Amino acid sequence: MPNELRLYAVEVSQSPGRKLYSFAVDGKLVHRFAAISRVSRQAGQLKGYQRPEVLSHIEGIRDYIESPSPLVPNAVVLAFDSRVRFEALDKKAAPSADSAYSRPGVLVIPLGKKELPDERKPGFIVDGQQRLAAIRDATVDHFPICVTAFITDDIRHQTEQFILVNSTRPLPKGLIYELIPKTDAQLPPQLRRRRLPAQLMEQLNLDSGSPFHGLIHTATNPTGIIKDNSVLKMLENSLMGGALRNFHHPATGKLELASMMKLLNNYWTAVRNVFKPSWGMPAKKSRLMHGVGIVSMGYIMDTISDRLQDSPIPTVAQFEEDLESLKDLCHWTAGTWNFGNGEQRKWNALQNMSNDIDLLTDHLVAQYMSRVWNRTAKARRAAARR
């Protein structure tokens, strides 16, 4: 086992006294020379700067690394102490190029005769902890990665770079949701679950015949009045255990997208027609357009579809007939909701929180069961007796 690792690198002079080194290395080797500076307190003093590993995040990256054609363009950032040195290539040996701020060479990293304990390793991970952990655990023989590094013996400099690298503003979630349907890449589990809902939401927002046309607020439709996350939650709920699940068969890979869209368009067109005065208004003026309304009415879609299971895709008229039974109970824009047992809420007091969503959903489903489902069941039993 060699006592040092020699890697081709480019030295970049970024500012007076500050140099960066860019190179490629097998990600499975990084743990031999770079440690994680864990954040902790010793005798009241803060030590280190790295957060604990996020296992679910690592698992998602590892699955991607093990996929057929992974690509990780983001460079890992490492800090080295002064035991690491850069040997510039002789000008005669270096390729001819015009650059006043970079030069090629070899970065020499000491490894030791045996694997060093973390406190004696010459490198520390500033950014890329989760990626390196995923590469470490992945069932691949090797995985080259890009690295950007700097050399300093000052822990304050390392911590400063960690803060700067990790405090940049992440991509807006709404933009990510819009981008998901446009890629077939292997995604982390939490994003993979949202790919199909995002695809459905995109069609609902863009199709001119959709009742949601242009109403969903997204990165490319900032004038929309319905939060994209509310629509995604409604779709996710139905895909997991509601009406849309009947058209999604992960085990066989069968996906009846056209049937899903027909069901969604039929139902929400019926909602728009039955609650016409409350439709298309800003969420502050109509709780039907609010997250609490969209999600709870999504559960009503599943409940009605379950009752009308003899019709794989209920028509607009069928949905309208059942929704009419709830019309007098709903106070989307004015008045007071009466949830029974003395509990009442002013129309605009309902918030997009799980407790309020559950309260409204349970109330509407219970009333629907009482007014429509049970009545229909009694009629069927009476007809059977005749």
Protein backbone atom coordinates (compact mmCIF):
# COMPACT_ATOMS: atom_id res chain seq x y z
CA MET A 1 0.00 0.00 0.00
CA PRO A 2 1.59 3.34 -1.03
CA ASN A 3 2.26 5.90 1.68
CA GLU A 4 0.94 8.73 -0.45
CA LEU A 5 -1.62 9.40 -3.13
CA ARG A 6 -0.49 11.42 -6.14
CA LEU A 7 -3.29 12.99 -8.20
CA TYR A 8 -3.16 15.20 -11.26
CA ALA A 9 -4.65 18.55 -10.28
CA VAL A 10 -5.03 22.15 -11.37
CA GLU A 11 -4.02 24.91 -8.96
CA VAL A 12 -6.18 28.04 -9.21
CA SER A 13 -5.03 31.33 -7.69
CA GLN A 14 -8.33 32.90 -6.77
CA SER A 15 -7.18 35.82 -4.60
CA PRO A 16 -3.95 36.82 -2.88
CA GLY A 17 -2.86 33.95 -0.66
CA ARG A 18 -5.91 31.83 -1.55
CA LYS A 19 -5.45 28.82 -3.81
CA LEU A 20 -7.85 26.10 -4.89
CA TYR A 21 -7.05 22.64 -6.22
CA SER A 22 -9.32 20.80 -8.62
CA PHE A 23 -8.86 17.08 -9.24
CA ALA A 24 -10.62 13.74 -9.72
CA VAL A 25 -10.39 10.78 -7.37
CA ASP A 26 -12.20 7.52 -6.71
CA GLY A 27 -14.90 8.44 -4.18
CA LYS A 28 -14.30 5.16 -2.34
CA LEU A 29 -10.76 6.32 -1.48
CA VAL A 30 -11.73 9.63 0.10
CA HIS A 31 -12.39 8.11 3.54
CA ARG A 32 -8.72 7.08 3.67
CA PHE A 33 -7.48 10.66 3.77
CA ALA A 34 -10.49 12.85 4.70
CA ALA A 35 -12.58 12.81 7.88
CA ILE A 36 -15.83 14.43 8.93
CA SER A 37 -15.43 17.24 11.44
CA ARG A 38 -18.45 16.38 13.59
CA VAL A 39 -20.07 19.29 15.37
CA SER A 40 -20.12 18.82 19.15
CA ARG A 41 -19.38 20.61 22.40
CA GLN A 42 -16.50 19.76 24.67
CA ALA A 43 -16.30 21.57 28.01
CA GLY A 44 -18.83 24.06 26.63
CA GLN A 45 -16.77 24.82 23.54
CA LEU A 46 -18.12 24.18 20.04
CA LYS A 47 -16.00 21.70 18.11
CA GLY A 48 -16.29 20.78 14.43
CA TYR A 49 -18.95 21.88 11.99
CA GLN A 50 -20.54 18.91 10.22
CA ARG A 51 -24.13 17.79 10.88
CA PRO A 52 -24.98 14.09 11.39
CA GLU A 53 -25.54 11.94 8.33
CA VAL A 54 -29.13 11.85 7.04
CA LEU A 55 -29.69 8.16 6.35
CA SER A 56 -32.73 8.60 4.10
CA HIS A 57 -30.82 11.12 1.97
CA ILE A 58 -27.81 8.81 1.75
CA GLU A 59 -30.02 5.90 0.74
CA GLY A 60 -31.54 7.90 -2.10
CA ILE A 61 -28.12 8.95 -3.43
CA ARG A 62 -26.79 5.39 -3.06
CA ASP A 63 -29.67 4.01 -5.13
CA TYR A 64 -28.81 6.55 -7.83
CA ILE A 65 -25.10 5.67 -7.72
CA GLU A 66 -26.06 2.01 -8.23
CA SER A 67 -28.31 2.84 -11.19
CA PRO A 68 -27.11 2.09 -14.78
CA SER A 69 -25.76 5.52 -15.78
CA PRO A 70 -25.29 7.83 -12.78
CA LEU A 71 -23.83 11.31 -13.19
CA VAL A 72 -22.75 13.42 -10.21
CA PRO A 73 -21.43 16.74 -11.58
CA ASN A 74 -21.26 18.58 -8.23
CA ALA A 75 -17.76 18.72 -6.84
CA VAL A 76 -17.08 17.63 -3.27
CA VAL A 77 -15.26 20.30 -1.24
CA LEU A 78 -12.36 19.21 0.97
CA ALA A 79 -10.02 21.11 3.28
CA PHE A 80 -6.45 19.82 3.65
CA ASP A 81 -3.87 20.70 6.26
CA SER A 82 -0.33 21.67 5.33
CA ARG A 83 0.83 18.05 5.09
CA VAL A 84 -0.74 18.03 1.62
CA ARG A 85 1.42 19.70 -1.01
CA PHE A 86 1.14 20.69 -4.65
CA GLU A 87 3.96 19.98 -7.08
CA ALA A 88 3.67 22.11 -10.19
CA LEU A 89 4.58 20.44 -13.46
CA ASP A 90 7.70 21.67 -15.16
CA LYS A 91 6.82 24.21 -17.82
CA LYS A 92 8.39 21.99 -20.45
CA ALA A 93 6.28 19.02 -19.34
CA ALA A 94 3.08 21.02 -18.94
CA PRO A 95 0.84 21.43 -22.00
CA SER A 96 0.96 24.86 -23.64
CA ALA A 97 -1.93 27.04 -22.48
CA ASP A 98 -2.64 30.66 -21.74
CA SER A 99 -3.69 31.19 -18.15
CA ALA A 100 -2.53 33.74 -15.63
CA TYR A 101 -4.41 32.12 -12.75
CA SER A 102 -4.01 28.35 -13.08
CA ARG A 103 -1.27 25.81 -13.51
CA PRO A 104 -1.25 22.00 -13.74
CA GLY A 105 0.56 19.78 -11.33
CA VAL A 106 0.28 16.90 -8.89
CA LEU A 107 -1.40 17.04 -5.50
CA VAL A 108 0.41 14.79 -3.02
CA ILE A 109 -1.73 13.44 -0.15
CA PRO A 110 -0.07 11.43 2.65
CA LEU A 111 -1.84 8.21 3.54
CA GLY A 112 0.39 6.57 6.13
CA LYS A 113 1.52 2.97 6.27
CA LYS A 114 -1.79 1.95 7.88
CA GLU A 115 -5.19 3.57 7.71
CA LEU A 116 -5.08 6.71 9.84
CA PRO A 117 -7.61 7.46 12.58
CA ASP A 118 -9.88 10.38 11.75
CA GLU A 119 -8.04 12.86 13.96
CA ARG A 120 -4.79 12.21 12.05
CA LYS A 121 -6.16 12.34 8.50
CA PRO A 122 -4.88 15.33 6.48
CA GLY A 123 -8.27 16.16 4.98
CA PHE A 124 -11.71 17.21 6.20
CA ILE A 125 -15.01 17.14 4.30
CA VAL A 126 -16.45 20.64 3.94
CA ASP A 127 -19.28 19.79 1.53
CA GLY A 128 -20.42 16.45 0.11
CA GLN A 129 -20.72 14.39 3.29
CA GLN A 130 -23.92 12.64 2.17
CA ARG A 131 -22.62 11.95 -1.35
CA LEU A 132 -19.40 10.45 -0.05
CA ALA A 133 -21.27 8.29 2.46
CA ALA A 134 -23.52 7.04 -0.35
CA ILE A 135 -20.50 6.22 -2.55
CA ARG A 136 -18.84 4.50 0.40
CA ASP A 137 -21.88 2.25 0.93
CA ALA A 138 -22.78 1.70 -2.74
CA THR A 139 -22.23 -1.75 -4.24
CA VAL A 140 -19.91 -0.46 -6.96
CA ASP A 141 -16.18 -1.13 -7.31
CA HIS A 142 -15.27 2.51 -7.82
CA PHE A 143 -16.90 5.85 -8.58
CA PRO A 144 -14.72 8.79 -9.68
CA ILE A 145 -15.80 12.20 -8.42
CA CYS A 146 -14.71 15.79 -8.90
CA VAL A 147 -13.11 17.50 -5.91
CA THR A 148 -12.35 21.11 -5.14
CA ALA A 149 -9.94 21.55 -2.23
CA PHE A 150 -8.00 24.18 -0.35
CA ILE A 151 -5.09 23.90 2.07
CA THR A 152 -5.18 25.51 5.51
CA ASP A 153 -4.29 24.69 9.10
CA ASP A 154 -6.91 27.17 10.36
CA ILE A 155 -10.13 25.46 11.55
CA ARG A 156 -11.86 28.84 11.32
CA HIS A 157 -11.21 28.92 7.58
CA GLN A 158 -12.68 25.41 7.21
CA THR A 159 -15.77 26.38 9.21
CA GLU A 160 -16.18 29.60 7.23
CA GLN A 161 -16.23 27.69 3.94
CA PHE A 162 -18.67 25.13 5.34
CA ILE A 163 -21.10 27.91 6.28
CA LEU A 164 -20.76 29.70 2.94
CA VAL A 165 -21.17 26.51 0.87
CA ASN A 166 -24.20 25.30 2.81
CA SER A 167 -26.03 28.62 3.24
CA THR A 168 -26.76 29.15 -0.46
CA ARG A 169 -30.44 29.30 -1.30
CA PRO A 170 -31.80 25.95 -2.52
CA LEU A 171 -33.96 25.63 -5.60
CA PRO A 172 -37.59 26.57 -4.90
CA LYS A 173 -39.67 23.43 -4.33
CA GLY A 174 -42.21 24.64 -6.88
CA LEU A 175 -39.55 24.79 -9.61
CA ILE A 176 -38.36 21.29 -8.71
CA TYR A 177 -41.93 19.97 -9.00
CA GLU A 178 -42.22 21.52 -12.46
CA LEU A 179 -38.94 19.98 -13.57
CA ILE A 180 -39.62 16.44 -12.27
CA PRO A 181 -42.02 15.37 -15.06
CA LYS A 182 -39.40 16.34 -17.65
CA THR A 183 -36.76 13.87 -16.49
CA ASP A 184 -36.51 10.09 -16.38
CA ALA A 185 -33.48 10.17 -14.10
CA GLN A 186 -33.38 8.16 -10.90
CA LEU A 187 -34.44 10.56 -8.16
CA PRO A 188 -34.31 10.45 -4.35
CA PRO A 189 -37.37 8.62 -2.89
CA GLN A 190 -39.16 11.78 -1.73
CA LEU A 191 -38.95 13.28 -5.22
CA ARG A 192 -39.62 9.98 -6.98
CA ARG A 193 -42.97 9.77 -5.16
CA ARG A 194 -43.92 13.18 -6.53
CA ARG A 195 -43.08 12.51 -10.18
CA LEU A 196 -46.53 11.16 -11.14
CA PRO A 197 -48.48 13.73 -9.06
CA ALA A 198 -46.36 16.47 -10.63
CA GLN A 199 -47.10 15.10 -14.10
CA LEU A 200 -50.84 15.09 -13.38
CA MET A 201 -50.69 18.59 -11.90
CA GLU A 202 -48.87 19.89 -14.96
CA GLN A 203 -51.62 18.59 -17.25
CA LEU A 204 -54.36 19.97 -14.99
CA ASN A 205 -52.74 23.40 -15.12
CA LEU A 206 -51.90 23.46 -18.82
CA ASP A 207 -54.82 21.69 -20.51
CA SER A 208 -57.36 24.23 -21.72
CA GLY A 209 -60.25 21.86 -20.94
CA SER A 210 -59.22 21.39 -17.32
CA PRO A 211 -61.15 23.16 -14.54
CA PHE A 212 -57.74 23.99 -13.03
CA HIS A 213 -56.44 25.57 -16.25
CA GLY A 214 -54.10 28.40 -15.26
CA LEU A 215 -55.25 28.39 -11.64
CA ILE A 216 -52.34 26.50 -10.02
CA HIS A 217 -49.51 28.70 -8.76
CA THR A 218 -46.17 27.38 -10.05
CA ALA A 219 -42.74 28.81 -10.86
CA THR A 220 -43.86 29.39 -14.45
CA ASN A 221 -47.40 30.47 -13.53
CA PRO A 222 -46.93 32.94 -10.67
CA THR A 223 -50.43 34.39 -11.14
CA GLY A 224 -52.10 31.10 -10.17
CA ILE A 225 -54.31 31.24 -7.07
CA ILE A 226 -54.08 27.62 -5.85
CA LYS A 227 -50.86 26.52 -4.19
CA ASP A 228 -49.12 23.76 -6.16
CA ASN A 229 -48.37 21.85 -2.96
CA SER A 230 -52.10 21.63 -2.13
CA VAL A 231 -52.87 20.05 -5.50
CA LEU A 232 -49.91 17.68 -5.14
CA LYS A 233 -51.16 16.54 -1.72
CA MET A 234 -54.62 15.90 -3.12
CA LEU A 235 -53.18 13.84 -5.97
CA GLU A 236 -50.76 11.93 -3.73
CA ASN A 237 -53.56 10.98 -1.33
CA SER A 238 -55.70 9.61 -4.16
CA LEU A 239 -52.78 7.73 -5.72
CA MET A 240 -51.91 6.08 -2.41
CA GLY A 241 -55.35 4.82 -1.47
CA GLY A 242 -58.06 6.54 -3.46
CA ALA A 243 -59.68 6.59 -6.87
CA LEU A 244 -56.49 7.26 -8.85
CA ARG A 245 -54.88 4.15 -7.42
CA ASN A 246 -57.18 2.04 -9.62
CA PHE A 247 -55.33 3.32 -12.68
CA HIS A 248 -51.77 2.91 -11.36
CA HIS A 249 -50.23 -0.55 -11.16
CA PRO A 250 -46.59 -0.28 -10.02
CA ALA A 251 -46.14 -4.07 -9.91
CA THR A 252 -46.84 -4.39 -13.64
CA GLY A 253 -45.73 -0.93 -14.66
CA LYS A 254 -49.16 -0.21 -16.14
CA LEU A 255 -50.17 3.44 -15.90
CA GLU A 256 -53.53 4.61 -17.25
CA LEU A 257 -52.73 8.31 -17.39
CA ALA A 258 -55.62 9.20 -19.70
CA SER A 259 -58.12 7.56 -17.33
CA MET A 260 -56.65 9.45 -14.38
CA MET A 261 -56.99 12.74 -16.19
CA LYS A 262 -60.57 11.99 -17.23
CA LEU A 263 -61.53 11.17 -13.66
CA LEU A 264 -59.87 14.32 -12.31
CA ASN A 265 -61.38 16.57 -14.96
CA ASN A 266 -64.86 15.10 -14.50
CA TYR A 267 -64.82 15.44 -10.73
CA TRP A 268 -63.30 18.91 -10.45
CA THR A 269 -65.53 20.18 -13.25
CA ALA A 270 -68.46 18.99 -11.14
CA VAL A 271 -66.99 20.78 -8.11
CA ARG A 272 -66.65 23.97 -10.13
CA ASN A 273 -70.24 23.68 -11.37
CA VAL A 274 -71.84 22.87 -8.00
CA PHE A 275 -69.83 25.49 -6.06
CA LYS A 276 -69.58 28.00 -8.90
CA PRO A 277 -69.69 31.20 -6.77
CA SER A 278 -66.71 29.92 -4.72
CA TRP A 279 -64.60 28.72 -7.64
CA GLY A 280 -61.77 30.77 -9.13
CA MET A 281 -61.48 33.21 -6.22
CA PRO A 282 -58.25 33.84 -4.26
CA ALA A 283 -57.77 31.54 -1.27
CA LYS A 284 -58.31 34.46 1.12
CA LYS A 285 -61.81 34.87 -0.26
CA SER A 286 -62.69 31.21 -0.80
CA ARG A 287 -61.62 28.24 1.30
CA LEU A 288 -62.51 26.00 -1.65
CA MET A 289 -59.39 27.35 -3.40
CA HIS A 290 -57.40 27.03 -0.18
CA GLY A 291 -55.29 24.00 0.73
CA VAL A 292 -57.84 22.86 3.30
CA GLY A 293 -60.57 22.86 0.63
CA ILE A 294 -58.58 21.25 -2.18
CA VAL A 295 -57.28 18.39 -0.01
CA SER A 296 -60.57 17.67 1.77
CA MET A 297 -62.55 17.75 -1.50
CA GLY A 298 -59.96 15.34 -2.91
CA TYR A 299 -61.04 12.82 -0.29
CA ILE A 300 -64.67 13.39 -1.33
CA MET A 301 -63.64 12.52 -4.91
CA ASP A 302 -62.30 9.20 -3.65
CA THR A 303 -65.41 8.54 -1.54
CA ILE A 304 -67.86 9.24 -4.37
CA SER A 305 -65.79 7.17 -6.80
CA ASP A 306 -65.85 4.32 -4.32
CA ARG A 307 -69.65 4.45 -4.15
CA LEU A 308 -69.88 4.61 -7.94
CA GLN A 309 -67.39 1.81 -8.47
CA ASP A 310 -69.69 0.17 -11.02
CA SER A 311 -68.74 3.13 -13.22
CA PRO A 312 -64.91 3.06 -13.58
CA ILE A 313 -64.94 6.76 -14.43
CA PRO A 314 -68.04 8.57 -13.14
CA THR A 315 -69.40 11.28 -15.40
CA VAL A 316 -69.59 14.98 -14.54
CA ALA A 317 -73.33 14.58 -14.04
CA GLN A 318 -72.87 11.67 -11.62
CA PHE A 319 -70.37 13.64 -9.56
CA GLU A 320 -72.63 16.70 -9.60
CA GLU A 321 -75.60 14.72 -8.32
CA ASP A 322 -73.68 13.48 -5.29
CA LEU A 323 -71.99 16.82 -4.59
CA GLU A 324 -75.36 18.58 -4.53
CA SER A 325 -76.10 16.70 -1.29
CA LEU A 326 -73.25 18.62 0.40
CA LYS A 327 -73.93 22.04 -1.08
CA ASP A 328 -75.97 23.42 1.82
CA LEU A 329 -73.32 22.29 4.36
CA CYS A 330 -70.39 24.09 2.77
CA HIS A 331 -69.39 27.59 3.77
CA TRP A 332 -66.46 28.33 1.49
CA THR A 333 -66.82 32.12 1.33
CA ALA A 334 -69.09 33.18 4.19
CA GLY A 335 -70.93 31.91 7.24
CA THR A 336 -69.96 29.34 9.85
CA TRP A 337 -69.16 25.65 9.59
CA ASN A 338 -71.09 23.48 12.04
CA PHE A 339 -69.09 20.34 12.77
CA GLY A 340 -71.45 19.00 15.44
CA ASN A 341 -70.94 18.51 19.17
CA GLY A 342 -71.00 22.27 19.55
CA GLU A 343 -67.87 22.82 17.45
CA GLN A 344 -68.18 25.67 14.99
CA ARG A 345 -65.67 27.54 12.83
CA LYS A 346 -66.00 30.75 10.90
CA TRP A 347 -65.54 30.08 7.19
CA ASN A 348 -62.09 31.69 7.00
CA ALA A 349 -60.83 30.24 10.28
CA LEU A 350 -60.01 26.92 8.64
CA GLN A 351 -56.28 26.68 7.92
CA ASN A 352 -54.13 24.44 5.73
CA MET A 353 -53.05 22.31 8.69
CA SER A 354 -53.52 18.59 9.23
CA ASN A 355 -55.95 19.07 12.14
CA ASP A 356 -58.23 21.39 10.15
CA ILE A 357 -58.01 19.25 7.03
CA ASP A 358 -58.94 16.15 9.05
CA LEU A 359 -61.79 18.02 10.75
CA LEU A 360 -63.29 19.19 7.45
CA THR A 361 -62.70 15.89 5.67
CA ASP A 362 -64.28 13.80 8.44
CA HIS A 363 -67.29 16.14 8.54
CA LEU A 364 -67.89 16.07 4.78
CA VAL A 365 -67.35 12.32 4.44
CA ALA A 366 -69.67 11.58 7.38
CA GLN A 367 -72.39 13.81 5.97
CA TYR A 368 -71.99 12.30 2.51
CA MET A 369 -72.24 8.78 3.92
CA SER A 370 -75.36 9.74 5.84
CA ARG A 371 -77.09 11.64 3.05
CA VAL A 372 -76.14 9.61 -0.01
CA TRP A 373 -74.32 6.36 0.59
CA ASN A 374 -76.55 4.97 3.35
CA ARG A 375 -79.68 6.12 1.52
CA THR A 376 -78.51 4.36 -1.64
CA ALA A 377 -77.68 1.20 0.28
CA LYS A 378 -81.16 1.15 1.84
CA ALA A 379 -82.76 1.60 -1.58
CA ARG A 380 -80.75 -1.29 -2.99
CA ARG A 381 -81.70 -3.55 -0.11
CA ALA A 382 -85.39 -2.63 -0.54
CA ALA A 383 -85.21 -3.37 -4.25
CA ALA A 384 -83.56 -6.70 -3.57
CA ARG A 385 -86.39 -7.66 -1.17
CA ARG A 386 -88.96 -6.90 -3.86
